Amino acid sequence: MERKDQDGTWITADMKTAFKRLHRKGCAHSVEIWQQDELVGGMYGVPVGKVFCGESMFSKVSNASKIALISLCKSGVYQLIDCQFHTEHLASMGARMISRKEYITILQNNNG
């Protein structure tokens, strides 16, 4: 998908192939937002126990990626959603930074 004011995407062909393989093996998941028969937004990533490691989000319709993230949060499946980057967009929905030590502790307590 083309992005406004950007030359391209960081999602390479190799990444697409890898995530398709992970998805077929049940190791990668997506949260999809549909409007009638059109995919209008969502996110994908890899769950590690009760931690969801988000890889990317997209929206073709305003706020569709937010709805995907909020749906994932409200599912109650995950204790932590790793968004990789702290942005104003994510902070507006309650995201906060945690220390590496806290992150490792959460991984160890939920995956061991």
PDB file of N, CA and C in Angstrom:
ATOM      1  N   MET A   1       0.845  -1.174   0.000  1.00  0.00           N
ATOM      2  CA  MET A   1       0.000   0.000   0.000  1.00  0.00           C
ATOM      3  C   MET A   1       0.890   1.236   0.000  1.00  0.00           C
ATOM      4  N   GLU A   2       0.581   2.171  -0.846  1.00  0.00           N
ATOM      5  CA  GLU A   2       1.343   3.410  -0.877  1.00  0.00           C
ATOM      6  C   GLU A   2       0.988   4.263   0.327  1.00  0.00           C
ATOM      7  N   ARG A   3       1.988   4.990   0.824  1.00  0.00           N
ATOM      8  CA  ARG A   3       1.793   5.827   1.989  1.00  0.00           C
ATOM      9  C   ARG A   3       2.033   7.280   1.604  1.00  0.00           C
ATOM     10  N   LYS A   4       1.132   8.135   2.016  1.00  0.00           N
ATOM     11  CA  LYS A   4       1.224   9.558   1.701  1.00  0.00           C
ATOM     12  C   LYS A   4       2.558  10.114   2.211  1.00  0.00           C
ATOM     13  N   ASP A   5       3.216  10.886   1.368  1.00  0.00           N
ATOM     14  CA  ASP A   5       4.464  11.568   1.705  1.00  0.00           C
ATOM     15  C   ASP A   5       5.631  10.624   2.013  1.00  0.00           C
ATOM     16  N   GLN A   6       5.558   9.369   1.525  1.00  0.00           N
ATOM     17  CA  GLN A   6       6.653   8.423   1.718  1.00  0.00           C
ATOM     18  C   GLN A   6       6.974   7.753   0.393  1.00  0.00           C
ATOM     19  N   ASP A   7       8.251   7.421   0.220  1.00  0.00           N
ATOM     20  CA  ASP A   7       8.706   6.828  -1.029  1.00  0.00           C
ATOM     21  C   ASP A   7       8.319   5.367  -1.178  1.00  0.00           C
ATOM     22  N   GLY A   8       8.027   4.705  -0.101  1.00  0.00           N
ATOM     23  CA  GLY A   8       7.714   3.282  -0.196  1.00  0.00           C
ATOM     24  C   GLY A   8       7.379   2.715   1.165  1.00  0.00           C
ATOM     25  N   THR A   9       7.606   1.451   1.301  1.00  0.00           N
ATOM     26  CA  THR A   9       7.299   0.764   2.537  1.00  0.00           C
ATOM     27  C   THR A   9       8.510  -0.012   3.007  1.00  0.00           C
ATOM     28  N   TRP A  10       8.623  -0.220   4.299  1.00  0.00           N
ATOM     29  CA  TRP A  10       9.695  -1.030   4.857  1.00  0.00           C
ATOM     30  C   TRP A  10       9.317  -2.509   4.824  1.00  0.00           C
ATOM     31  N   ILE A  11       8.082  -2.823   4.432  1.00  0.00           N
ATOM     32  CA  ILE A  11       7.625  -4.211   4.375  1.00  0.00           C
ATOM     33  C   ILE A  11       8.090  -4.798   3.038  1.00  0.00           C
ATOM     34  N   THR A  12       9.191  -5.500   3.088  1.00  0.00           N
ATOM     35  CA  THR A  12       9.814  -6.042   1.878  1.00  0.00           C
ATOM     36  C   THR A  12       9.130  -7.335   1.442  1.00  0.00           C
ATOM     37  N   ALA A  13       9.458  -7.776   0.249  1.00  0.00           N
ATOM     38  CA  ALA A  13       8.928  -9.045  -0.259  1.00  0.00           C
ATOM     39  C   ALA A  13       9.327 -10.200   0.655  1.00  0.00           C
ATOM     40  N   ASP A  14      10.555 -10.180   1.164  1.00  0.00           N
ATOM     41  CA  ASP A  14      11.001 -11.244   2.083  1.00  0.00           C
ATOM     42  C   ASP A  14      10.175 -11.247   3.371  1.00  0.00           C
ATOM     43  N   MET A  15       9.851 -10.063   3.885  1.00  0.00           N
ATOM     44  CA  MET A  15       9.023  -9.989   5.098  1.00  0.00           C
ATOM     45  C   MET A  15       7.635 -10.544   4.821  1.00  0.00           C
ATOM     46  N   LYS A  16       7.071 -10.191   3.673  1.00  0.00           N
ATOM     47  CA  LYS A  16       5.745 -10.713   3.323  1.00  0.00           C
ATOM     48  C   LYS A  16       5.769 -12.234   3.264  1.00  0.00           C
ATOM     49  N   THR A  17       6.772 -12.788   2.626  1.00  0.00           N
ATOM     50  CA  THR A  17       6.903 -14.249   2.516  1.00  0.00           C
ATOM     51  C   THR A  17       7.034 -14.869   3.903  1.00  0.00           C
ATOM     52  N   ALA A  18       7.875 -14.297   4.742  1.00  0.00           N
ATOM     53  CA  ALA A  18       8.089 -14.835   6.086  1.00  0.00           C
ATOM     54  C   ALA A  18       6.803 -14.813   6.907  1.00  0.00           C
ATOM     55  N   PHE A  19       6.070 -13.696   6.865  1.00  0.00           N
ATOM     56  CA  PHE A  19       4.842 -13.609   7.657  1.00  0.00           C
ATOM     57  C   PHE A  19       3.740 -14.515   7.106  1.00  0.00           C
ATOM     58  N   LYS A  20       3.705 -14.709   5.809  1.00  0.00           N
ATOM     59  CA  LYS A  20       2.739 -15.664   5.249  1.00  0.00           C
ATOM     60  C   LYS A  20       3.037 -17.067   5.756  1.00  0.00           C
ATOM     61  N   ARG A  21       4.316 -17.425   5.803  1.00  0.00           N
ATOM     62  CA  ARG A  21       4.703 -18.739   6.333  1.00  0.00           C
ATOM     63  C   ARG A  21       4.339 -18.862   7.810  1.00  0.00           C
ATOM     64  N   LEU A  22       4.664 -17.837   8.572  1.00  0.00           N
ATOM     65  CA  LEU A  22       4.322 -17.850   9.997  1.00  0.00           C
ATOM     66  C   LEU A  22       2.813 -17.971  10.194  1.00  0.00           C
ATOM     67  N   HIS A  23       2.036 -17.263   9.377  1.00  0.00           N
ATOM     68  CA  HIS A  23       0.586 -17.318   9.490  1.00  0.00           C
ATOM     69  C   HIS A  23       0.062 -18.716   9.175  1.00  0.00           C
ATOM     70  N   ARG A  24       0.564 -19.325   8.114  1.00  0.00           N
ATOM     71  CA  ARG A  24       0.133 -20.686   7.757  1.00  0.00           C
ATOM     72  C   ARG A  24       0.447 -21.685   8.873  1.00  0.00           C
ATOM     73  N   LYS A  25       1.523 -21.432   9.621  1.00  0.00           N
ATOM     74  CA  LYS A  25       1.907 -22.313  10.732  1.00  0.00           C
ATOM     75  C   LYS A  25       1.186 -21.951  12.030  1.00  0.00           C
ATOM     76  N   GLY A  26       0.355 -20.913  11.980  1.00  0.00           N
ATOM     77  CA  GLY A  26      -0.380 -20.490  13.171  1.00  0.00           C
ATOM     78  C   GLY A  26       0.446 -19.640  14.118  1.00  0.00           C
ATOM     79  N   CYS A  27       1.572 -19.119  13.648  1.00  0.00           N
ATOM     80  CA  CYS A  27       2.488 -18.353  14.496  1.00  0.00           C
ATOM     81  C   CYS A  27       2.377 -16.845  14.315  1.00  0.00           C
ATOM     82  N   ALA A  28       1.598 -16.391  13.374  1.00  0.00           N
ATOM     83  CA  ALA A  28       1.377 -14.956  13.172  1.00  0.00           C
ATOM     84  C   ALA A  28      -0.129 -14.751  13.045  1.00  0.00           C
ATOM     85  N   HIS A  29      -0.591 -13.653  13.600  1.00  0.00           N
ATOM     86  CA  HIS A  29      -2.030 -13.385  13.612  1.00  0.00           C
ATOM     87  C   HIS A  29      -2.314 -11.971  13.126  1.00  0.00           C
ATOM     88  N   SER A  30      -3.524 -11.795  12.640  1.00  0.00           N
ATOM     89  CA  SER A  30      -3.948 -10.463  12.220  1.00  0.00           C
ATOM     90  C   SER A  30      -5.273 -10.125  12.889  1.00  0.00           C
ATOM     91  N   VAL A  31      -5.485  -8.846  13.070  1.00  0.00           N
ATOM     92  CA  VAL A  31      -6.765  -8.304  13.503  1.00  0.00           C
ATOM     93  C   VAL A  31      -7.221  -7.452  12.339  1.00  0.00           C
ATOM     94  N   GLU A  32      -8.336  -7.816  11.747  1.00  0.00           N
ATOM     95  CA  GLU A  32      -8.788  -7.176  10.513  1.00  0.00           C
ATOM     96  C   GLU A  32     -10.084  -6.406  10.739  1.00  0.00           C
ATOM     97  N   ILE A  33     -10.150  -5.254  10.125  1.00  0.00           N
ATOM     98  CA  ILE A  33     -11.347  -4.424  10.184  1.00  0.00           C
ATOM     99  C   ILE A  33     -11.921  -4.360   8.771  1.00  0.00           C
ATOM    100  N   TRP A  34     -13.142  -4.849   8.657  1.00  0.00           N
ATOM    101  CA  TRP A  34     -13.817  -4.927   7.358  1.00  0.00           C
ATOM    102  C   TRP A  34     -15.000  -3.968   7.335  1.00  0.00           C
ATOM    103  N   GLN A  35     -15.216  -3.373   6.188  1.00  0.00           N
ATOM    104  CA  GLN A  35     -16.397  -2.543   5.951  1.00  0.00           C
ATOM    105  C   GLN A  35     -17.066  -3.139   4.724  1.00  0.00           C
ATOM    106  N   GLN A  36     -18.230  -3.742   4.926  1.00  0.00           N
ATOM    107  CA  GLN A  36     -18.873  -4.567   3.908  1.00  0.00           C
ATOM    108  C   GLN A  36     -17.864  -5.644   3.478  1.00  0.00           C
ATOM    109  N   ASP A  37     -17.497  -5.704   2.235  1.00  0.00           N
ATOM    110  CA  ASP A  37     -16.576  -6.735   1.758  1.00  0.00           C
ATOM    111  C   ASP A  37     -15.161  -6.215   1.533  1.00  0.00           C
ATOM    112  N   GLU A  38     -14.823  -5.073   2.116  1.00  0.00           N
ATOM    113  CA  GLU A  38     -13.503  -4.491   1.898  1.00  0.00           C
ATOM    114  C   GLU A  38     -12.702  -4.429   3.197  1.00  0.00           C
ATOM    115  N   LEU A  39     -11.467  -4.921   3.144  1.00  0.00           N
ATOM    116  CA  LEU A  39     -10.541  -4.800   4.263  1.00  0.00           C
ATOM    117  C   LEU A  39     -10.095  -3.344   4.334  1.00  0.00           C
ATOM    118  N   VAL A  40     -10.424  -2.653   5.436  1.00  0.00           N
ATOM    119  CA  VAL A  40     -10.152  -1.225   5.521  1.00  0.00           C
ATOM    120  C   VAL A  40      -9.097  -0.867   6.566  1.00  0.00           C
ATOM    121  N   GLY A  41      -8.656  -1.851   7.325  1.00  0.00           N
ATOM    122  CA  GLY A  41      -7.629  -1.563   8.318  1.00  0.00           C
ATOM    123  C   GLY A  41      -7.332  -2.786   9.147  1.00  0.00           C
ATOM    124  N   GLY A  42      -6.277  -2.663   9.933  1.00  0.00           N
ATOM    125  CA  GLY A  42      -5.939  -3.761  10.817  1.00  0.00           C
ATOM    126  C   GLY A  42      -4.500  -3.708  11.266  1.00  0.00           C
ATOM    127  N   MET A  43      -4.084  -4.827  11.837  1.00  0.00           N
ATOM    128  CA  MET A  43      -2.718  -4.966  12.319  1.00  0.00           C
ATOM    129  C   MET A  43      -2.349  -6.437  12.294  1.00  0.00           C
ATOM    130  N   TYR A  44      -1.047  -6.703  12.318  1.00  0.00           N
ATOM    131  CA  TYR A  44      -0.605  -8.091  12.405  1.00  0.00           C
ATOM    132  C   TYR A  44       0.642  -8.167  13.264  1.00  0.00           C
ATOM    133  N   GLY A  45       0.895  -9.376  13.755  1.00  0.00           N
ATOM    134  CA  GLY A  45       2.064  -9.585  14.594  1.00  0.00           C
ATOM    135  C   GLY A  45       2.173 -11.030  15.020  1.00  0.00           C
ATOM    136  N   VAL A  46       3.031 -11.249  15.995  1.00  0.00           N
ATOM    137  CA  VAL A  46       3.332 -12.591  16.478  1.00  0.00           C
ATOM    138  C   VAL A  46       3.063 -12.650  17.981  1.00  0.00           C
ATOM    139  N   PRO A  47       2.206 -13.573  18.408  1.00  0.00           N
ATOM    140  CA  PRO A  47       2.004 -13.751  19.848  1.00  0.00           C
ATOM    141  C   PRO A  47       3.112 -14.614  20.443  1.00  0.00           C
ATOM    142  N   VAL A  48       3.552 -14.220  21.627  1.00  0.00           N
ATOM    143  CA  VAL A  48       4.526 -14.998  22.393  1.00  0.00           C
ATOM    144  C   VAL A  48       3.910 -15.141  23.781  1.00  0.00           C
ATOM    145  N   GLY A  49       3.216 -16.256  24.001  1.00  0.00           N
ATOM    146  CA  GLY A  49       2.477 -16.415  25.250  1.00  0.00           C
ATOM    147  C   GLY A  49       1.415 -15.346  25.366  1.00  0.00           C
ATOM    148  N   LYS A  50       1.447 -14.595  26.454  1.00  0.00           N
ATOM    149  CA  LYS A  50       0.468 -13.533  26.671  1.00  0.00           C
ATOM    150  C   LYS A  50       0.976 -12.159  26.238  1.00  0.00           C
ATOM    151  N   VAL A  51       1.989 -12.163  25.365  1.00  0.00           N
ATOM    152  CA  VAL A  51       2.519 -10.930  24.789  1.00  0.00           C
ATOM    153  C   VAL A  51       2.269 -10.975  23.289  1.00  0.00           C
ATOM    154  N   PHE A  52       1.670  -9.908  22.755  1.00  0.00           N
ATOM    155  CA  PHE A  52       1.477  -9.806  21.315  1.00  0.00           C
ATOM    156  C   PHE A  52       2.491  -8.808  20.782  1.00  0.00           C
ATOM    157  N   CYS A  53       3.382  -9.276  19.923  1.00  0.00           N
ATOM    158  CA  CYS A  53       4.416  -8.424  19.333  1.00  0.00           C
ATOM    159  C   CYS A  53       3.882  -7.896  18.007  1.00  0.00           C
ATOM    160  N   GLY A  54       3.368  -6.682  18.032  1.00  0.00           N
ATOM    161  CA  GLY A  54       2.792  -6.081  16.841  1.00  0.00           C
ATOM    162  C   GLY A  54       3.870  -5.715  15.840  1.00  0.00           C
ATOM    163  N   GLU A  55       3.621  -6.015  14.592  1.00  0.00           N
ATOM    164  CA  GLU A  55       4.597  -5.732  13.538  1.00  0.00           C
ATOM    165  C   GLU A  55       4.205  -4.511  12.720  1.00  0.00           C
ATOM    166  N   SER A  56       2.930  -4.412  12.360  1.00  0.00           N
ATOM    167  CA  SER A  56       2.527  -3.280  11.528  1.00  0.00           C
ATOM    168  C   SER A  56       1.015  -3.074  11.623  1.00  0.00           C
ATOM    169  N   MET A  57       0.600  -1.840  11.362  1.00  0.00           N
ATOM    170  CA  MET A  57      -0.812  -1.472  11.339  1.00  0.00           C
ATOM    171  C   MET A  57      -1.068  -0.701  10.050  1.00  0.00           C
ATOM    172  N   PHE A  58      -2.326  -0.725   9.591  1.00  0.00           N
ATOM    173  CA  PHE A  58      -2.664   0.097   8.430  1.00  0.00           C
ATOM    174  C   PHE A  58      -4.124   0.500   8.476  1.00  0.00           C
ATOM    175  N   SER A  59      -4.419   1.595   7.791  1.00  0.00           N
ATOM    176  CA  SER A  59      -5.786   2.095   7.682  1.00  0.00           C
ATOM    177  C   SER A  59      -6.032   2.625   6.281  1.00  0.00           C
ATOM    178  N   LYS A  60      -7.103   2.179   5.695  1.00  0.00           N
ATOM    179  CA  LYS A  60      -7.584   2.789   4.459  1.00  0.00           C
ATOM    180  C   LYS A  60      -8.750   3.717   4.787  1.00  0.00           C
ATOM    181  N   VAL A  61      -9.324   3.527   5.958  1.00  0.00           N
ATOM    182  CA  VAL A  61     -10.426   4.335   6.454  1.00  0.00           C
ATOM    183  C   VAL A  61      -9.976   4.904   7.799  1.00  0.00           C
ATOM    184  N   SER A  62     -10.278   6.160   8.043  1.00  0.00           N
ATOM    185  CA  SER A  62      -9.864   6.829   9.272  1.00  0.00           C
ATOM    186  C   SER A  62     -10.211   5.999  10.513  1.00  0.00           C
ATOM    187  N   ASN A  63      -9.213   5.822  11.369  1.00  0.00           N
ATOM    188  CA  ASN A  63      -9.337   5.152  12.671  1.00  0.00           C
ATOM    189  C   ASN A  63      -9.469   3.630  12.601  1.00  0.00           C
ATOM    190  N   ALA A  64      -9.397   3.031  11.429  1.00  0.00           N
ATOM    191  CA  ALA A  64      -9.547   1.569  11.347  1.00  0.00           C
ATOM    192  C   ALA A  64      -8.444   0.840  12.105  1.00  0.00           C
ATOM    193  N   SER A  65      -7.204   1.334  12.043  1.00  0.00           N
ATOM    194  CA  SER A  65      -6.135   0.663  12.788  1.00  0.00           C
ATOM    195  C   SER A  65      -6.340   0.819  14.290  1.00  0.00           C
ATOM    196  N   LYS A  66      -6.886   1.946  14.702  1.00  0.00           N
ATOM    197  CA  LYS A  66      -7.180   2.145  16.128  1.00  0.00           C
ATOM    198  C   LYS A  66      -8.214   1.128  16.595  1.00  0.00           C
ATOM    199  N   ILE A  67      -9.227   0.899  15.781  1.00  0.00           N
ATOM    200  CA  ILE A  67     -10.259  -0.081  16.143  1.00  0.00           C
ATOM    201  C   ILE A  67      -9.643  -1.470  16.277  1.00  0.00           C
ATOM    202  N   ALA A  68      -8.707  -1.807  15.382  1.00  0.00           N
ATOM    203  CA  ALA A  68      -8.037  -3.108  15.467  1.00  0.00           C
ATOM    204  C   ALA A  68      -7.252  -3.226  16.772  1.00  0.00           C
ATOM    205  N   LEU A  69      -6.484  -2.197  17.105  1.00  0.00           N
ATOM    206  CA  LEU A  69      -5.691  -2.229  18.337  1.00  0.00           C
ATOM    207  C   LEU A  69      -6.582  -2.283  19.569  1.00  0.00           C
ATOM    208  N   ILE A  70      -7.619  -1.490  19.586  1.00  0.00           N
ATOM    209  CA  ILE A  70      -8.543  -1.494  20.730  1.00  0.00           C
ATOM    210  C   ILE A  70      -9.214  -2.860  20.865  1.00  0.00           C
ATOM    211  N   SER A  71      -9.587  -3.468  19.741  1.00  0.00           N
ATOM    212  CA  SER A  71     -10.195  -4.801  19.775  1.00  0.00           C
ATOM    213  C   SER A  71      -9.234  -5.820  20.362  1.00  0.00           C
ATOM    214  N   LEU A  72      -7.969  -5.738  19.979  1.00  0.00           N
ATOM    215  CA  LEU A  72      -6.961  -6.650  20.509  1.00  0.00           C
ATOM    216  C   LEU A  72      -6.798  -6.442  22.014  1.00  0.00           C
ATOM    217  N   CYS A  73      -6.754  -5.192  22.438  1.00  0.00           N
ATOM    218  CA  CYS A  73      -6.632  -4.886  23.868  1.00  0.00           C
ATOM    219  C   CYS A  73      -7.813  -5.423  24.660  1.00  0.00           C
ATOM    220  N   LYS A  74      -9.007  -5.218  24.133  1.00  0.00           N
ATOM    221  CA  LYS A  74     -10.227  -5.630  24.840  1.00  0.00           C
ATOM    222  C   LYS A  74     -10.458  -7.142  24.814  1.00  0.00           C
ATOM    223  N   SER A  75      -9.732  -7.847  23.967  1.00  0.00           N
ATOM    224  CA  SER A  75      -9.919  -9.304  23.879  1.00  0.00           C
ATOM    225  C   SER A  75      -9.571  -9.993  25.189  1.00  0.00           C
ATOM    226  N   GLY A  76      -8.679  -9.391  25.975  1.00  0.00           N
ATOM    227  CA  GLY A  76      -8.272  -9.982  27.240  1.00  0.00           C
ATOM    228  C   GLY A  76      -7.290 -11.134  27.082  1.00  0.00           C
ATOM    229  N   VAL A  77      -6.861 -11.409  25.880  1.00  0.00           N
ATOM    230  CA  VAL A  77      -5.957 -12.528  25.615  1.00  0.00           C
ATOM    231  C   VAL A  77      -4.529 -12.195  26.037  1.00  0.00           C
ATOM    232  N   TYR A  78      -4.139 -10.931  25.902  1.00  0.00           N
ATOM    233  CA  TYR A  78      -2.741 -10.559  26.106  1.00  0.00           C
ATOM    234  C   TYR A  78      -2.564  -9.644  27.307  1.00  0.00           C
ATOM    235  N   GLN A  79      -1.477  -9.867  28.023  1.00  0.00           N
ATOM    236  CA  GLN A  79      -1.121  -8.996  29.140  1.00  0.00           C
ATOM    237  C   GLN A  79      -0.397  -7.755  28.630  1.00  0.00           C
ATOM    238  N   LEU A  80       0.303  -7.926  27.519  1.00  0.00           N
ATOM    239  CA  LEU A  80       1.100  -6.835  26.972  1.00  0.00           C
ATOM    240  C   LEU A  80       1.041  -6.871  25.456  1.00  0.00           C
ATOM    241  N   ILE A  81       0.930  -5.700  24.853  1.00  0.00           N
ATOM    242  CA  ILE A  81       1.031  -5.580  23.399  1.00  0.00           C
ATOM    243  C   ILE A  81       2.268  -4.741  23.123  1.00  0.00           C
ATOM    244  N   ASP A  82       3.241  -5.365  22.493  1.00  0.00           N
ATOM    245  CA  ASP A  82       4.495  -4.705  22.155  1.00  0.00           C
ATOM    246  C   ASP A  82       4.298  -3.984  20.827  1.00  0.00           C
ATOM    247  N   CYS A  83       4.270  -2.663  20.883  1.00  0.00           N
ATOM    248  CA  CYS A  83       4.037  -1.851  19.688  1.00  0.00           C
ATOM    249  C   CYS A  83       5.335  -1.404  19.021  1.00  0.00           C
ATOM    250  N   GLN A  84       6.467  -1.757  19.575  1.00  0.00           N
ATOM    251  CA  GLN A  84       7.806  -1.450  19.062  1.00  0.00           C
ATOM    252  C   GLN A  84       8.202   0.005  19.223  1.00  0.00           C
ATOM    253  N   PHE A  85       7.319   0.929  18.900  1.00  0.00           N
ATOM    254  CA  PHE A  85       7.643   2.353  18.970  1.00  0.00           C
ATOM    255  C   PHE A  85       6.614   3.067  19.831  1.00  0.00           C
ATOM    256  N   HIS A  86       7.063   4.044  20.582  1.00  0.00           N
ATOM    257  CA  HIS A  86       6.140   4.879  21.343  1.00  0.00           C
ATOM    258  C   HIS A  86       5.854   6.115  20.508  1.00  0.00           C
ATOM    259  N   THR A  87       4.605   6.266  20.109  1.00  0.00           N
ATOM    260  CA  THR A  87       4.207   7.408  19.294  1.00  0.00           C
ATOM    261  C   THR A  87       3.070   8.150  19.976  1.00  0.00           C
ATOM    262  N   GLU A  88       2.835   9.375  19.558  1.00  0.00           N
ATOM    263  CA  GLU A  88       1.695  10.135  20.085  1.00  0.00           C
ATOM    264  C   GLU A  88       0.388   9.416  19.776  1.00  0.00           C
ATOM    265  N   HIS A  89       0.322   8.815  18.594  1.00  0.00           N
ATOM    266  CA  HIS A  89      -0.863   8.058  18.174  1.00  0.00           C
ATOM    267  C   HIS A  89      -1.157   6.945  19.181  1.00  0.00           C
ATOM    268  N   LEU A  90      -0.139   6.165  19.539  1.00  0.00           N
ATOM    269  CA  LEU A  90      -0.328   5.072  20.490  1.00  0.00           C
ATOM    270  C   LEU A  90      -0.557   5.600  21.905  1.00  0.00           C
ATOM    271  N   ALA A  91       0.144   6.655  22.272  1.00  0.00           N
ATOM    272  CA  ALA A  91      -0.037   7.245  23.599  1.00  0.00           C
ATOM    273  C   ALA A  91      -1.466   7.746  23.778  1.00  0.00           C
ATOM    274  N   SER A  92      -2.074   8.232  22.709  1.00  0.00           N
ATOM    275  CA  SER A  92      -3.452   8.721  22.795  1.00  0.00           C
ATOM    276  C   SER A  92      -4.429   7.604  23.141  1.00  0.00           C
ATOM    277  N   MET A  93      -3.976   6.357  22.940  1.00  0.00           N
ATOM    278  CA  MET A  93      -4.830   5.212  23.270  1.00  0.00           C
ATOM    279  C   MET A  93      -4.368   4.501  24.542  1.00  0.00           C
ATOM    280  N   GLY A  94      -3.433   5.118  25.268  1.00  0.00           N
ATOM    281  CA  GLY A  94      -3.021   4.569  26.558  1.00  0.00           C
ATOM    282  C   GLY A  94      -1.698   3.828  26.568  1.00  0.00           C
ATOM    283  N   ALA A  95      -0.987   3.785  25.448  1.00  0.00           N
ATOM    284  CA  ALA A  95       0.307   3.108  25.424  1.00  0.00           C
ATOM    285  C   ALA A  95       1.299   3.839  26.317  1.00  0.00           C
ATOM    286  N   ARG A  96       2.188   3.068  26.913  1.00  0.00           N
ATOM    287  CA  ARG A  96       3.240   3.668  27.730  1.00  0.00           C
ATOM    288  C   ARG A  96       4.518   2.859  27.569  1.00  0.00           C
ATOM    289  N   MET A  97       5.620   3.515  27.791  1.00  0.00           N
ATOM    290  CA  MET A  97       6.922   2.860  27.724  1.00  0.00           C
ATOM    291  C   MET A  97       7.135   2.035  28.997  1.00  0.00           C
ATOM    292  N   ILE A  98       7.814   0.906  28.850  1.00  0.00           N
ATOM    293  CA  ILE A  98       8.257   0.146  30.009  1.00  0.00           C
ATOM    294  C   ILE A  98       9.743  -0.135  29.822  1.00  0.00           C
ATOM    295  N   SER A  99      10.394  -0.438  30.919  1.00  0.00           N
ATOM    296  CA  SER A  99      11.827  -0.712  30.848  1.00  0.00           C
ATOM    297  C   SER A  99      12.074  -2.090  30.234  1.00  0.00           C
ATOM    298  N   ARG A 100      13.289  -2.264  29.733  1.00  0.00           N
ATOM    299  CA  ARG A 100      13.676  -3.575  29.202  1.00  0.00           C
ATOM    300  C   ARG A 100      13.541  -4.650  30.280  1.00  0.00           C
ATOM    301  N   LYS A 101      13.936  -4.312  31.504  1.00  0.00           N
ATOM    302  CA  LYS A 101      13.850  -5.267  32.624  1.00  0.00           C
ATOM    303  C   LYS A 101      12.402  -5.712  32.841  1.00  0.00           C
ATOM    304  N   GLU A 102      11.474  -4.764  32.846  1.00  0.00           N
ATOM    305  CA  GLU A 102      10.061  -5.095  33.029  1.00  0.00           C
ATOM    306  C   GLU A 102       9.548  -5.949  31.865  1.00  0.00           C
ATOM    307  N   TYR A 103       9.973  -5.613  30.655  1.00  0.00           N
ATOM    308  CA  TYR A 103       9.567  -6.364  29.465  1.00  0.00           C
ATOM    309  C   TYR A 103      10.041  -7.819  29.551  1.00  0.00           C
ATOM    310  N   ILE A 104      11.311  -8.011  29.915  1.00  0.00           N
ATOM    311  CA  ILE A 104      11.861  -9.363  30.034  1.00  0.00           C
ATOM    312  C   ILE A 104      11.138 -10.137  31.138  1.00  0.00           C
ATOM    313  N   THR A 105      10.847  -9.472  32.243  1.00  0.00           N
ATOM    314  CA  THR A 105      10.122 -10.129  33.335  1.00  0.00           C
ATOM    315  C   THR A 105       8.746 -10.588  32.874  1.00  0.00           C
ATOM    316  N   ILE A 106       8.035  -9.750  32.144  1.00  0.00           N
ATOM    317  CA  ILE A 106       6.711 -10.120  31.638  1.00  0.00           C
ATOM    318  C   ILE A 106       6.830 -11.313  30.697  1.00  0.00           C
ATOM    319  N   LEU A 107       7.812 -11.289  29.789  1.00  0.00           N
ATOM    320  CA  LEU A 107       8.013 -12.435  28.879  1.00  0.00           C
ATOM    321  C   LEU A 107       8.282 -13.710  29.659  1.00  0.00           C
ATOM    322  N   GLN A 108       9.164 -13.653  30.619  1.00  0.00           N
ATOM    323  CA  GLN A 108       9.522 -14.838  31.396  1.00  0.00           C
ATOM    324  C   GLN A 108       8.351 -15.368  32.213  1.00  0.00           C
ATOM    325  N   ASN A 109       7.555 -14.479  32.782  1.00  0.00           N
ATOM    326  CA  ASN A 109       6.428 -14.896  33.623  1.00  0.00           C
ATOM    327  C   ASN A 109       5.256 -15.455  32.815  1.00  0.00           C
ATOM    328  N   ASN A 110       5.175 -15.132  31.541  1.00  0.00           N
ATOM    329  CA  ASN A 110       4.028 -15.536  30.746  1.00  0.00           C
ATOM    330  C   ASN A 110       4.360 -16.561  29.679  1.00  0.00           C
ATOM    331  N   ASN A 111       5.579 -16.994  29.604  1.00  0.00           N
ATOM    332  CA  ASN A 111       5.954 -17.882  28.511  1.00  0.00           C
ATOM    333  C   ASN A 111       6.850 -19.030  28.963  1.00  0.00           C
ATOM    334  N   GLY A 112       6.917 -19.261  30.249  1.00  0.00           N
ATOM    335  CA  GLY A 112       7.916 -20.205  30.653  1.00  0.00           C
ATOM    336  C   GLY A 112       7.481 -21.450  31.243  1.00  0.00           C
TER     337      GLY A 112
END
